[in-house]
């Protein structure tokens, strides 16, 4: 993933806060077996210190690839929107001469995968995930040998992804003048399609912290 200087995270806390704000669904990418393309799996995840926790169905084709090569990448993308060319036209030029682009946030984790097969370890992984996704505790206990989860444990495998590197990208035209970024954020809010509003929110947040871009 290419990260221009103006797209880079301003500090480590920036991407950590963004992930904690509910961006807990991403894509696991694994090197393919010889002669086969890479394997990708969309899935929810939770963070546990320096690890990402995932569970997948046992029949998933990703397992053989991970067993061969445990070096994987997990990518989370959000707060994205298409920016039409006229919105980006330089002052004094025809709107149709503007070049369109995409705005988005992406956090890419390089990890080493550890497969979890022990029943109690899988149960604990599920308990941690449920604590994140259902913090109200409105679910049956996850315990080996007890319904409803106990009988299902054999049908899944867990993954603990040890994070070895994080690459964060916040692509919101931060290299452009303040007036330009403000105008685009306003247009996104007015258009209000898809993720336009959270995209505008990210652009304004970065604008408040950066101000005029200084190389």
N, C-alpha and C. Protein backbone atom coordinates (compact mmCIF):
# COMPACT_ATOMS: atom_id res chain seq x y z
N UNK A 1 0.85 -1.19 0.00
CA UNK A 1 0.00 0.00 0.00
C UNK A 1 0.89 1.24 0.00
N UNK A 2 0.71 2.07 -1.02
CA UNK A 2 1.46 3.32 -1.11
C UNK A 2 0.88 4.35 -0.14
N UNK A 3 1.75 4.94 0.66
CA UNK A 3 1.33 5.98 1.60
C UNK A 3 2.17 7.23 1.33
N UNK A 4 1.54 8.24 0.76
CA UNK A 4 2.22 9.51 0.54
C UNK A 4 2.43 10.21 1.89
N UNK A 5 3.40 11.11 1.98
CA UNK A 5 3.65 11.78 3.27
C UNK A 5 2.41 12.45 3.86
N UNK A 6 1.56 13.03 2.99
CA UNK A 6 0.37 13.72 3.49
C UNK A 6 -0.77 12.77 3.85
N UNK A 7 -0.62 11.49 3.47
CA UNK A 7 -1.65 10.49 3.81
C UNK A 7 -1.30 9.70 5.06
N UNK A 8 -0.11 9.88 5.58
CA UNK A 8 0.35 9.04 6.69
C UNK A 8 -0.38 9.37 7.99
N UNK A 9 -0.44 8.38 8.86
CA UNK A 9 -0.99 8.63 10.18
C UNK A 9 -0.17 9.67 10.92
N UNK A 10 -0.84 10.51 11.69
CA UNK A 10 -0.15 11.58 12.40
C UNK A 10 0.56 11.06 13.64
N UNK A 11 0.07 9.97 14.18
CA UNK A 11 0.73 9.28 15.29
C UNK A 11 0.09 7.91 15.41
N UNK A 12 0.63 7.07 16.27
CA UNK A 12 0.13 5.71 16.40
C UNK A 12 -1.29 5.69 16.96
N UNK A 13 -1.58 6.66 17.83
CA UNK A 13 -2.90 6.69 18.44
C UNK A 13 -4.00 6.93 17.41
N UNK A 14 -3.68 7.60 16.29
CA UNK A 14 -4.72 7.94 15.31
C UNK A 14 -5.38 6.68 14.75
N UNK A 15 -4.58 5.73 14.29
CA UNK A 15 -5.19 4.52 13.73
C UNK A 15 -5.79 3.64 14.83
N UNK A 16 -5.20 3.66 16.02
CA UNK A 16 -5.74 2.86 17.12
C UNK A 16 -7.14 3.35 17.50
N UNK A 17 -7.31 4.66 17.58
CA UNK A 17 -8.62 5.23 17.90
C UNK A 17 -9.62 4.91 16.79
N UNK A 18 -9.17 5.01 15.54
CA UNK A 18 -10.06 4.74 14.40
C UNK A 18 -10.55 3.29 14.45
N UNK A 19 -9.66 2.35 14.71
CA UNK A 19 -10.06 0.95 14.81
C UNK A 19 -11.05 0.77 15.96
N UNK A 20 -10.77 1.39 17.11
CA UNK A 20 -11.63 1.24 18.29
C UNK A 20 -13.00 1.85 18.11
N UNK A 21 -13.18 2.72 17.12
CA UNK A 21 -14.47 3.37 16.89
C UNK A 21 -15.44 2.50 16.10
N UNK A 22 -15.23 1.21 16.12
CA UNK A 22 -16.17 0.30 15.47
C UNK A 22 -15.72 -0.25 14.14
N UNK A 23 -14.47 -0.02 13.76
CA UNK A 23 -13.96 -0.57 12.51
C UNK A 23 -13.34 -1.93 12.81
N UNK A 24 -14.21 -2.93 12.91
CA UNK A 24 -13.79 -4.25 13.36
C UNK A 24 -14.14 -5.35 12.35
N UNK A 25 -14.15 -4.98 11.07
CA UNK A 25 -14.37 -5.94 10.00
C UNK A 25 -13.33 -5.68 8.92
N UNK A 26 -12.66 -6.74 8.48
CA UNK A 26 -11.61 -6.55 7.49
C UNK A 26 -11.44 -7.77 6.61
N UNK A 27 -10.30 -7.83 5.96
CA UNK A 27 -10.02 -8.91 5.01
C UNK A 27 -8.66 -9.53 5.31
N UNK A 28 -8.68 -10.84 5.55
CA UNK A 28 -7.47 -11.61 5.78
C UNK A 28 -6.92 -12.05 4.43
N UNK A 29 -5.64 -11.77 4.19
CA UNK A 29 -4.97 -12.16 2.93
C UNK A 29 -3.82 -13.11 3.25
N UNK A 30 -3.83 -14.27 2.57
CA UNK A 30 -2.86 -15.32 2.84
C UNK A 30 -2.21 -15.75 1.53
N UNK A 31 -0.91 -16.00 1.56
CA UNK A 31 -0.22 -16.50 0.38
C UNK A 31 -0.83 -17.83 -0.05
N UNK A 32 -1.04 -17.99 -1.34
CA UNK A 32 -1.66 -19.20 -1.84
C UNK A 32 -0.70 -20.37 -1.89
N UNK A 33 -1.27 -21.55 -2.02
CA UNK A 33 -0.45 -22.74 -2.22
C UNK A 33 0.23 -22.66 -3.57
N UNK A 34 1.32 -23.41 -3.78
CA UNK A 34 2.03 -23.37 -5.07
C UNK A 34 1.08 -23.56 -6.25
N UNK A 35 1.17 -22.63 -7.19
CA UNK A 35 0.32 -22.72 -8.37
C UNK A 35 -1.08 -22.17 -8.19
N UNK A 36 -1.38 -21.62 -7.01
CA UNK A 36 -2.71 -21.09 -6.74
C UNK A 36 -2.60 -19.61 -6.33
N UNK A 37 -3.67 -18.84 -6.58
CA UNK A 37 -3.64 -17.42 -6.20
C UNK A 37 -3.74 -17.26 -4.69
N UNK A 38 -3.47 -16.06 -4.19
CA UNK A 38 -3.66 -15.79 -2.75
C UNK A 38 -5.10 -16.05 -2.33
N UNK A 39 -5.26 -16.35 -1.05
CA UNK A 39 -6.58 -16.59 -0.48
C UNK A 39 -6.98 -15.37 0.36
N UNK A 40 -8.20 -14.89 0.18
CA UNK A 40 -8.68 -13.75 0.96
C UNK A 40 -9.99 -14.13 1.64
N UNK A 41 -10.15 -13.68 2.89
CA UNK A 41 -11.33 -14.02 3.67
C UNK A 41 -11.84 -12.77 4.39
N UNK A 42 -13.08 -12.33 4.11
CA UNK A 42 -13.66 -11.21 4.86
C UNK A 42 -14.17 -11.72 6.21
N UNK A 43 -13.89 -10.98 7.29
CA UNK A 43 -14.30 -11.46 8.60
C UNK A 43 -14.25 -10.35 9.65
N UNK A 44 -15.03 -10.51 10.71
CA UNK A 44 -14.90 -9.66 11.89
C UNK A 44 -13.64 -10.07 12.66
N UNK A 45 -13.16 -9.17 13.49
CA UNK A 45 -11.99 -9.45 14.33
C UNK A 45 -12.09 -8.63 15.60
N UNK A 46 -11.30 -9.03 16.57
CA UNK A 46 -11.15 -8.22 17.78
C UNK A 46 -9.66 -8.07 18.07
N UNK A 47 -9.32 -7.02 18.80
CA UNK A 47 -7.94 -6.77 19.18
C UNK A 47 -7.69 -7.25 20.60
N UNK A 48 -6.53 -7.85 20.80
CA UNK A 48 -6.13 -8.33 22.12
C UNK A 48 -4.65 -8.00 22.29
N UNK A 49 -4.37 -6.77 22.73
CA UNK A 49 -2.99 -6.35 22.84
C UNK A 49 -2.33 -6.29 21.47
N UNK A 50 -1.27 -7.07 21.29
CA UNK A 50 -0.54 -7.09 20.03
C UNK A 50 -1.07 -8.17 19.10
N UNK A 51 -2.26 -8.69 19.36
CA UNK A 51 -2.83 -9.75 18.54
C UNK A 51 -4.21 -9.36 18.01
N UNK A 52 -4.54 -9.89 16.84
CA UNK A 52 -5.90 -9.85 16.33
C UNK A 52 -6.49 -11.24 16.48
N UNK A 53 -7.74 -11.32 16.94
CA UNK A 53 -8.39 -12.60 17.17
C UNK A 53 -9.48 -12.83 16.13
N UNK A 54 -9.44 -14.02 15.51
CA UNK A 54 -10.38 -14.37 14.44
C UNK A 54 -10.77 -15.83 14.64
N UNK A 55 -11.98 -16.18 14.22
CA UNK A 55 -12.32 -17.60 14.09
C UNK A 55 -13.04 -17.80 12.76
N UNK A 56 -12.77 -18.95 12.15
CA UNK A 56 -13.34 -19.27 10.85
C UNK A 56 -13.80 -20.72 10.85
N UNK A 57 -14.69 -21.05 9.93
CA UNK A 57 -15.17 -22.42 9.82
C UNK A 57 -14.04 -23.37 9.44
N UNK A 58 -14.07 -24.56 9.99
CA UNK A 58 -13.02 -25.55 9.71
C UNK A 58 -12.90 -25.87 8.21
N UNK A 59 -14.01 -25.93 7.43
CA UNK A 59 -13.87 -26.24 6.00
C UNK A 59 -13.25 -25.11 5.17
N UNK A 60 -13.00 -23.94 5.77
CA UNK A 60 -12.48 -22.81 5.01
C UNK A 60 -11.17 -23.20 4.33
N UNK A 61 -11.00 -22.89 3.04
CA UNK A 61 -9.78 -23.28 2.32
C UNK A 61 -8.53 -22.52 2.76
N UNK A 62 -8.69 -21.54 3.65
CA UNK A 62 -7.54 -20.74 4.06
C UNK A 62 -6.55 -21.52 4.93
N UNK A 63 -7.00 -22.59 5.59
CA UNK A 63 -6.15 -23.25 6.58
C UNK A 63 -4.90 -23.88 5.98
N UNK A 64 -5.04 -24.55 4.85
CA UNK A 64 -3.87 -25.19 4.24
C UNK A 64 -2.82 -24.14 3.86
N UNK A 65 -3.30 -22.99 3.37
CA UNK A 65 -2.38 -21.93 2.98
C UNK A 65 -1.64 -21.37 4.19
N UNK A 66 -2.36 -21.19 5.31
CA UNK A 66 -1.73 -20.66 6.52
C UNK A 66 -0.73 -21.67 7.08
N UNK A 67 -1.08 -22.94 7.04
CA UNK A 67 -0.16 -23.96 7.55
C UNK A 67 1.14 -23.98 6.76
N UNK A 68 1.05 -23.65 5.46
CA UNK A 68 2.26 -23.60 4.64
C UNK A 68 3.06 -22.33 4.90
N UNK A 69 2.35 -21.21 5.05
CA UNK A 69 3.02 -19.93 5.27
C UNK A 69 2.18 -19.09 6.23
N UNK A 70 2.61 -18.95 7.48
CA UNK A 70 1.81 -18.22 8.48
C UNK A 70 1.95 -16.70 8.40
N UNK A 71 2.72 -16.19 7.45
CA UNK A 71 2.87 -14.74 7.30
C UNK A 71 1.69 -14.21 6.49
N UNK A 72 0.86 -13.39 7.13
CA UNK A 72 -0.39 -12.94 6.52
C UNK A 72 -0.53 -11.43 6.66
N UNK A 73 -1.53 -10.90 5.96
CA UNK A 73 -1.87 -9.48 6.04
C UNK A 73 -3.36 -9.37 6.34
N UNK A 74 -3.70 -8.47 7.25
CA UNK A 74 -5.11 -8.19 7.54
C UNK A 74 -5.35 -6.70 7.29
N UNK A 75 -6.35 -6.40 6.47
CA UNK A 75 -6.61 -5.02 6.05
C UNK A 75 -8.01 -4.58 6.44
N UNK A 76 -8.10 -3.39 7.01
CA UNK A 76 -9.38 -2.78 7.37
C UNK A 76 -9.52 -1.48 6.58
N UNK A 77 -10.64 -1.31 5.89
CA UNK A 77 -10.89 -0.11 5.08
C UNK A 77 -12.23 0.48 5.48
N UNK A 78 -12.29 1.81 5.55
CA UNK A 78 -13.55 2.46 5.89
C UNK A 78 -13.53 3.94 5.60
N UNK A 79 -14.62 4.62 5.92
CA UNK A 79 -14.76 6.06 5.72
C UNK A 79 -14.28 6.46 4.33
N UNK A 80 -14.86 5.80 3.31
CA UNK A 80 -14.43 6.02 1.94
C UNK A 80 -15.54 6.68 1.11
N UNK A 81 -15.12 7.41 0.08
CA UNK A 81 -16.07 8.06 -0.82
C UNK A 81 -15.37 8.40 -2.12
N UNK A 82 -16.13 8.40 -3.21
CA UNK A 82 -15.61 8.85 -4.50
C UNK A 82 -15.75 10.36 -4.58
N UNK A 83 -14.68 11.03 -5.00
CA UNK A 83 -14.67 12.49 -5.11
C UNK A 83 -14.65 12.86 -6.59
N UNK A 84 -15.74 13.44 -7.12
CA UNK A 84 -15.81 13.77 -8.55
C UNK A 84 -14.76 14.80 -8.96
N UNK A 85 -14.37 14.72 -10.23
CA UNK A 85 -13.36 15.64 -10.75
C UNK A 85 -13.68 17.11 -10.54
N UNK A 86 -14.92 17.57 -10.83
CA UNK A 86 -15.21 19.00 -10.66
C UNK A 86 -14.97 19.51 -9.24
N UNK A 87 -15.09 18.64 -8.25
CA UNK A 87 -14.85 19.07 -6.87
C UNK A 87 -13.38 19.38 -6.64
N UNK A 88 -12.50 18.82 -7.48
CA UNK A 88 -11.05 18.97 -7.25
C UNK A 88 -10.38 19.88 -8.26
N UNK A 89 -11.17 20.55 -9.09
CA UNK A 89 -10.58 21.45 -10.09
C UNK A 89 -9.84 22.59 -9.40
N UNK A 90 -8.68 22.92 -9.91
CA UNK A 90 -7.90 24.02 -9.35
C UNK A 90 -8.61 25.34 -9.59
N UNK A 91 -8.38 26.28 -8.69
CA UNK A 91 -8.99 27.61 -8.83
C UNK A 91 -8.61 28.21 -10.17
N UNK A 92 -9.61 28.78 -10.87
CA UNK A 92 -9.34 29.43 -12.14
C UNK A 92 -9.34 28.49 -13.33
N UNK A 93 -9.64 27.19 -13.10
CA UNK A 93 -9.70 26.24 -14.20
C UNK A 93 -11.13 25.74 -14.37
N UNK A 94 -11.41 25.17 -15.54
CA UNK A 94 -12.74 24.64 -15.81
C UNK A 94 -13.03 23.45 -14.90
N UNK A 95 -14.23 23.37 -14.31
CA UNK A 95 -14.56 22.24 -13.44
C UNK A 95 -14.32 20.88 -14.08
N UNK A 96 -14.56 20.76 -15.39
CA UNK A 96 -14.40 19.47 -16.06
C UNK A 96 -12.94 19.04 -16.14
N UNK A 97 -12.02 19.96 -15.87
CA UNK A 97 -10.59 19.63 -15.89
C UNK A 97 -10.11 19.04 -14.57
N UNK A 98 -10.99 19.03 -13.57
CA UNK A 98 -10.61 18.42 -12.30
C UNK A 98 -10.46 16.92 -12.43
N UNK A 99 -9.54 16.35 -11.67
CA UNK A 99 -9.27 14.91 -11.72
C UNK A 99 -9.88 14.24 -10.49
N UNK A 100 -10.75 13.24 -10.68
CA UNK A 100 -11.39 12.59 -9.53
C UNK A 100 -10.41 11.75 -8.73
N UNK A 101 -10.84 11.38 -7.53
CA UNK A 101 -10.02 10.52 -6.67
C UNK A 101 -10.92 9.80 -5.68
N UNK A 102 -10.32 8.97 -4.86
CA UNK A 102 -11.03 8.30 -3.77
C UNK A 102 -10.46 8.77 -2.45
N UNK A 103 -11.33 8.99 -1.49
CA UNK A 103 -10.92 9.22 -0.11
C UNK A 103 -11.17 7.94 0.68
N UNK A 104 -10.31 7.63 1.63
CA UNK A 104 -10.53 6.46 2.47
C UNK A 104 -9.50 6.41 3.59
N UNK A 105 -9.83 5.62 4.59
CA UNK A 105 -8.88 5.23 5.62
C UNK A 105 -8.61 3.74 5.46
N UNK A 106 -7.34 3.35 5.56
CA UNK A 106 -6.98 1.94 5.50
C UNK A 106 -5.90 1.67 6.55
N UNK A 107 -6.09 0.59 7.29
CA UNK A 107 -5.07 0.15 8.25
C UNK A 107 -4.71 -1.28 7.86
N UNK A 108 -3.43 -1.50 7.62
CA UNK A 108 -2.95 -2.80 7.16
C UNK A 108 -2.01 -3.39 8.20
N UNK A 109 -2.38 -4.57 8.69
CA UNK A 109 -1.58 -5.26 9.70
C UNK A 109 -0.80 -6.40 9.05
N UNK A 110 0.50 -6.38 9.19
CA UNK A 110 1.31 -7.54 8.81
C UNK A 110 1.43 -8.42 10.05
N UNK A 111 1.12 -9.70 9.90
CA UNK A 111 1.00 -10.57 11.07
C UNK A 111 1.63 -11.94 10.83
N UNK A 112 1.87 -12.62 11.93
CA UNK A 112 2.23 -14.03 11.90
C UNK A 112 1.10 -14.79 12.57
N UNK A 113 0.51 -15.74 11.84
CA UNK A 113 -0.69 -16.43 12.28
C UNK A 113 -0.36 -17.66 13.11
N UNK A 114 -1.09 -17.80 14.21
CA UNK A 114 -1.00 -18.98 15.06
C UNK A 114 -2.40 -19.61 15.11
N UNK A 115 -2.51 -20.84 14.62
CA UNK A 115 -3.80 -21.52 14.59
C UNK A 115 -4.14 -22.06 15.97
N UNK A 116 -5.39 -21.84 16.38
CA UNK A 116 -5.86 -22.26 17.69
C UNK A 116 -6.83 -23.43 17.51
N UNK A 117 -6.46 -24.62 18.01
CA UNK A 117 -7.30 -25.79 17.88
C UNK A 117 -7.74 -26.38 19.23
N UNK A 118 -7.03 -26.04 20.30
CA UNK A 118 -7.41 -26.56 21.62
C UNK A 118 -8.82 -26.08 21.97
N UNK A 119 -9.72 -26.98 22.38
CA UNK A 119 -11.11 -26.58 22.64
C UNK A 119 -11.25 -25.44 23.66
N UNK A 120 -10.53 -25.50 24.77
CA UNK A 120 -10.66 -24.45 25.78
C UNK A 120 -10.09 -23.14 25.25
N UNK A 121 -8.99 -23.21 24.48
CA UNK A 121 -8.41 -22.00 23.91
C UNK A 121 -9.37 -21.37 22.91
N UNK A 122 -10.07 -22.20 22.13
CA UNK A 122 -11.06 -21.66 21.20
C UNK A 122 -12.23 -21.04 21.96
N UNK A 123 -12.64 -21.68 23.04
CA UNK A 123 -13.73 -21.12 23.84
C UNK A 123 -13.34 -19.76 24.40
N UNK A 124 -12.11 -19.63 24.87
CA UNK A 124 -11.65 -18.35 25.42
C UNK A 124 -11.59 -17.29 24.33
N UNK A 125 -11.17 -17.68 23.12
CA UNK A 125 -11.14 -16.74 22.00
C UNK A 125 -12.55 -16.24 21.71
N UNK A 126 -13.52 -17.15 21.69
CA UNK A 126 -14.90 -16.75 21.45
C UNK A 126 -15.43 -15.85 22.56
N UNK A 127 -15.05 -16.15 23.80
CA UNK A 127 -15.48 -15.29 24.92
C UNK A 127 -14.96 -13.87 24.76
N UNK A 128 -13.73 -13.75 24.31
CA UNK A 128 -13.16 -12.41 24.10
C UNK A 128 -13.88 -11.68 22.95
N UNK A 129 -14.21 -12.43 21.90
CA UNK A 129 -14.92 -11.80 20.80
C UNK A 129 -16.33 -11.37 21.22
N UNK A 130 -17.03 -12.22 21.96
CA UNK A 130 -18.37 -11.87 22.40
C UNK A 130 -18.35 -10.69 23.38
N UNK A 131 -17.29 -10.59 24.19
CA UNK A 131 -17.17 -9.45 25.10
C UNK A 131 -17.08 -8.14 24.32
N UNK A 132 -16.54 -8.22 23.11
CA UNK A 132 -16.44 -7.03 22.27
C UNK A 132 -17.75 -6.77 21.52
N UNK A 133 -18.29 -7.80 20.88
CA UNK A 133 -19.45 -7.61 20.01
C UNK A 133 -20.79 -7.63 20.76
N UNK A 134 -20.84 -8.32 21.90
CA UNK A 134 -22.06 -8.33 22.72
C UNK A 134 -21.70 -8.02 24.17
N UNK A 135 -21.22 -6.81 24.42
CA UNK A 135 -20.77 -6.46 25.77
C UNK A 135 -21.88 -6.53 26.82
N UNK A 136 -23.14 -6.54 26.39
CA UNK A 136 -24.25 -6.65 27.33
C UNK A 136 -24.29 -8.02 27.99
N UNK A 137 -23.58 -8.98 27.39
CA UNK A 137 -23.55 -10.33 27.94
C UNK A 137 -24.82 -11.12 27.69
N UNK A 138 -25.59 -10.71 26.70
CA UNK A 138 -26.87 -11.38 26.42
C UNK A 138 -26.66 -12.61 25.53
N UNK A 139 -25.88 -13.54 26.04
CA UNK A 139 -25.61 -14.78 25.31
C UNK A 139 -25.33 -15.89 26.32
N UNK A 140 -25.49 -17.11 25.87
CA UNK A 140 -25.22 -18.26 26.73
C UNK A 140 -23.72 -18.35 27.00
N UNK A 141 -23.31 -18.98 28.10
CA UNK A 141 -21.89 -19.15 28.39
C UNK A 141 -21.21 -19.96 27.29
N UNK A 142 -19.98 -19.58 26.98
CA UNK A 142 -19.18 -20.34 26.02
C UNK A 142 -18.31 -21.29 26.82
N UNK A 143 -18.68 -22.55 26.83
CA UNK A 143 -17.97 -23.54 27.64
C UNK A 143 -17.87 -24.85 26.88
N UNK A 144 -16.69 -25.47 27.00
CA UNK A 144 -16.47 -26.75 26.34
C UNK A 144 -17.46 -27.78 26.87
N UNK A 145 -18.12 -28.49 25.96
CA UNK A 145 -19.03 -29.54 26.35
C UNK A 145 -20.40 -29.10 26.78
N UNK A 146 -20.66 -27.79 26.74
CA UNK A 146 -21.97 -27.29 27.15
C UNK A 146 -22.65 -26.59 25.98
N UNK A 147 -23.96 -26.82 25.79
CA UNK A 147 -24.67 -26.16 24.70
C UNK A 147 -24.86 -24.68 25.01
N UNK A 148 -25.03 -23.83 23.97
CA UNK A 148 -25.06 -24.24 22.57
C UNK A 148 -23.70 -24.21 21.88
N UNK A 149 -22.71 -23.57 22.51
CA UNK A 149 -21.43 -23.37 21.84
C UNK A 149 -20.53 -24.60 21.88
N UNK A 150 -20.65 -25.39 22.95
CA UNK A 150 -19.74 -26.51 23.12
C UNK A 150 -19.70 -27.45 21.95
N UNK A 151 -20.88 -27.79 21.43
CA UNK A 151 -20.93 -28.73 20.31
C UNK A 151 -20.46 -28.11 19.00
N UNK A 152 -20.37 -26.77 18.96
CA UNK A 152 -19.96 -26.09 17.74
C UNK A 152 -18.44 -25.88 17.65
N UNK A 153 -17.74 -26.03 18.76
CA UNK A 153 -16.31 -25.72 18.77
C UNK A 153 -15.52 -26.57 17.80
N UNK A 154 -15.95 -27.81 17.60
CA UNK A 154 -15.21 -28.69 16.68
C UNK A 154 -15.34 -28.23 15.24
N UNK A 155 -16.32 -27.39 14.95
CA UNK A 155 -16.54 -26.94 13.58
C UNK A 155 -15.79 -25.67 13.20
N UNK A 156 -15.03 -25.11 14.15
CA UNK A 156 -14.27 -23.89 13.87
C UNK A 156 -12.81 -24.07 14.26
N UNK A 157 -11.98 -23.17 13.76
CA UNK A 157 -10.60 -23.06 14.20
C UNK A 157 -10.36 -21.57 14.49
N UNK A 158 -9.52 -21.32 15.47
CA UNK A 158 -9.23 -19.93 15.82
C UNK A 158 -7.91 -19.48 15.23
N UNK A 159 -7.74 -18.17 15.18
CA UNK A 159 -6.50 -17.56 14.72
C UNK A 159 -6.10 -16.45 15.68
N UNK A 160 -4.86 -16.52 16.14
CA UNK A 160 -4.25 -15.40 16.85
C UNK A 160 -3.19 -14.82 15.92
N UNK A 161 -3.44 -13.60 15.46
CA UNK A 161 -2.52 -12.95 14.53
C UNK A 161 -1.61 -12.00 15.31
N UNK A 162 -0.35 -12.38 15.42
CA UNK A 162 0.63 -11.52 16.09
C UNK A 162 1.03 -10.40 15.15
N UNK A 163 0.73 -9.17 15.53
CA UNK A 163 1.00 -8.02 14.67
C UNK A 163 2.48 -7.67 14.72
N UNK A 164 3.11 -7.67 13.56
CA UNK A 164 4.53 -7.33 13.48
C UNK A 164 4.78 -5.96 12.85
N UNK A 165 3.79 -5.46 12.12
CA UNK A 165 3.93 -4.14 11.49
C UNK A 165 2.55 -3.58 11.19
N UNK A 166 2.40 -2.26 11.32
CA UNK A 166 1.13 -1.60 11.01
C UNK A 166 1.40 -0.47 10.04
N UNK A 167 0.62 -0.43 8.96
CA UNK A 167 0.70 0.65 7.98
C UNK A 167 -0.67 1.31 7.91
N UNK A 168 -0.72 2.60 8.22
CA UNK A 168 -2.00 3.32 8.25
C UNK A 168 -2.00 4.42 7.19
N UNK A 169 -3.14 4.56 6.53
CA UNK A 169 -3.28 5.57 5.48
C UNK A 169 -4.60 6.31 5.65
N UNK A 170 -4.52 7.64 5.67
CA UNK A 170 -5.70 8.50 5.76
C UNK A 170 -5.67 9.42 4.54
N UNK A 171 -6.35 9.01 3.48
CA UNK A 171 -6.26 9.70 2.18
C UNK A 171 -7.43 10.68 2.03
N UNK A 172 -7.18 11.95 2.37
CA UNK A 172 -8.23 12.96 2.34
C UNK A 172 -7.74 14.29 1.76
N UNK A 173 -6.81 14.23 0.80
CA UNK A 173 -6.31 15.44 0.13
C UNK A 173 -5.68 16.43 1.10
N UNK A 174 -4.97 15.94 2.09
CA UNK A 174 -4.39 16.84 3.08
C UNK A 174 -3.31 17.76 2.50
N UNK A 175 -2.84 17.44 1.30
CA UNK A 175 -1.85 18.31 0.65
C UNK A 175 -2.48 19.51 -0.04
N UNK A 176 -3.82 19.51 -0.13
CA UNK A 176 -4.53 20.60 -0.80
C UNK A 176 -4.73 21.78 0.16
N UNK A 177 -5.02 22.97 -0.37
CA UNK A 177 -5.27 24.14 0.49
C UNK A 177 -6.43 23.91 1.45
N UNK A 178 -6.41 24.63 2.55
CA UNK A 178 -7.45 24.51 3.57
C UNK A 178 -8.83 24.77 2.96
N UNK A 179 -8.93 25.78 2.12
CA UNK A 179 -10.22 26.14 1.53
C UNK A 179 -10.77 24.99 0.68
N UNK A 180 -9.89 24.34 -0.05
CA UNK A 180 -10.31 23.22 -0.90
C UNK A 180 -10.85 22.08 -0.04
N UNK A 181 -10.13 21.71 1.01
CA UNK A 181 -10.55 20.59 1.85
C UNK A 181 -11.87 20.89 2.56
N UNK A 182 -12.02 22.14 2.99
CA UNK A 182 -13.27 22.53 3.65
C UNK A 182 -14.44 22.42 2.69
N UNK A 183 -14.23 22.87 1.45
CA UNK A 183 -15.30 22.85 0.45
C UNK A 183 -15.69 21.41 0.11
N UNK A 184 -14.72 20.53 -0.02
CA UNK A 184 -15.03 19.13 -0.34
C UNK A 184 -15.78 18.47 0.80
N UNK A 185 -15.36 18.73 2.03
CA UNK A 185 -16.05 18.17 3.18
C UNK A 185 -17.51 18.64 3.22
N UNK A 186 -17.73 19.91 2.90
CA UNK A 186 -19.10 20.44 2.86
C UNK A 186 -19.92 19.74 1.78
N UNK A 187 -19.30 19.52 0.62
CA UNK A 187 -20.01 18.87 -0.49
C UNK A 187 -20.35 17.42 -0.13
N UNK A 188 -19.43 16.75 0.54
CA UNK A 188 -19.70 15.37 0.97
C UNK A 188 -20.89 15.32 1.92
N UNK A 189 -20.92 16.24 2.86
CA UNK A 189 -22.01 16.28 3.82
C UNK A 189 -23.34 16.55 3.13
N UNK A 190 -23.33 17.45 2.16
CA UNK A 190 -24.55 17.77 1.42
C UNK A 190 -25.00 16.59 0.57
N UNK A 191 -24.05 15.91 -0.10
CA UNK A 191 -24.42 14.77 -0.94
C UNK A 191 -24.99 13.63 -0.09
N UNK A 192 -24.34 13.32 1.00
CA UNK A 192 -24.87 12.40 1.99
C UNK A 192 -25.15 10.98 1.52
N UNK A 193 -24.40 10.49 0.57
CA UNK A 193 -24.57 9.12 0.09
C UNK A 193 -23.57 8.18 0.75
N UNK A 194 -23.98 6.91 0.94
CA UNK A 194 -23.03 5.92 1.45
C UNK A 194 -22.31 6.39 2.70
N UNK A 195 -20.99 6.44 2.61
CA UNK A 195 -20.16 6.85 3.74
C UNK A 195 -19.67 8.29 3.61
N UNK A 196 -20.42 9.11 2.86
CA UNK A 196 -20.01 10.51 2.65
C UNK A 196 -19.83 11.27 3.97
N UNK A 197 -20.78 11.12 4.89
CA UNK A 197 -20.74 11.90 6.13
C UNK A 197 -19.54 11.50 6.99
N UNK A 198 -19.30 10.20 7.29
CA UNK A 198 -18.10 9.87 8.05
C UNK A 198 -16.81 10.21 7.31
N UNK A 199 -16.83 10.18 5.97
CA UNK A 199 -15.64 10.59 5.21
C UNK A 199 -15.37 12.07 5.43
N UNK A 200 -16.42 12.89 5.36
CA UNK A 200 -16.26 14.32 5.62
C UNK A 200 -15.77 14.57 7.04
N UNK A 201 -16.26 13.77 7.97
CA UNK A 201 -15.83 13.90 9.37
C UNK A 201 -14.33 13.64 9.50
N UNK A 202 -13.83 12.62 8.80
CA UNK A 202 -12.40 12.33 8.86
C UNK A 202 -11.59 13.47 8.24
N UNK A 203 -12.09 14.00 7.12
CA UNK A 203 -11.36 15.08 6.47
C UNK A 203 -11.29 16.31 7.37
N UNK A 204 -12.39 16.65 8.01
CA UNK A 204 -12.38 17.81 8.90
C UNK A 204 -11.49 17.57 10.12
N UNK A 205 -11.51 16.35 10.64
CA UNK A 205 -10.66 16.03 11.80
C UNK A 205 -9.19 16.21 11.44
N UNK A 206 -8.80 15.68 10.29
CA UNK A 206 -7.41 15.83 9.86
C UNK A 206 -7.07 17.30 9.58
N UNK A 207 -8.01 18.02 9.00
CA UNK A 207 -7.81 19.44 8.72
C UNK A 207 -7.57 20.21 10.00
N UNK A 208 -8.33 19.90 11.06
CA UNK A 208 -8.15 20.59 12.32
C UNK A 208 -6.77 20.33 12.92
N UNK A 209 -6.24 19.12 12.73
CA UNK A 209 -4.95 18.78 13.30
C UNK A 209 -3.78 19.28 12.45
N UNK A 210 -3.95 19.24 11.13
CA UNK A 210 -2.82 19.57 10.24
C UNK A 210 -2.81 21.03 9.85
N UNK A 211 -4.00 21.60 9.55
CA UNK A 211 -4.04 22.95 9.00
C UNK A 211 -3.44 22.94 7.62
N UNK A 212 -2.77 24.03 7.20
CA UNK A 212 -2.09 24.04 5.91
C UNK A 212 -0.99 22.97 5.89
N UNK A 213 -0.95 22.20 4.79
CA UNK A 213 0.06 21.15 4.69
C UNK A 213 1.45 21.76 4.52
N UNK A 214 2.40 21.25 5.31
CA UNK A 214 3.79 21.69 5.22
C UNK A 214 4.66 20.47 4.96
N UNK A 215 5.30 20.40 3.77
CA UNK A 215 6.13 19.23 3.44
C UNK A 215 7.22 18.99 4.48
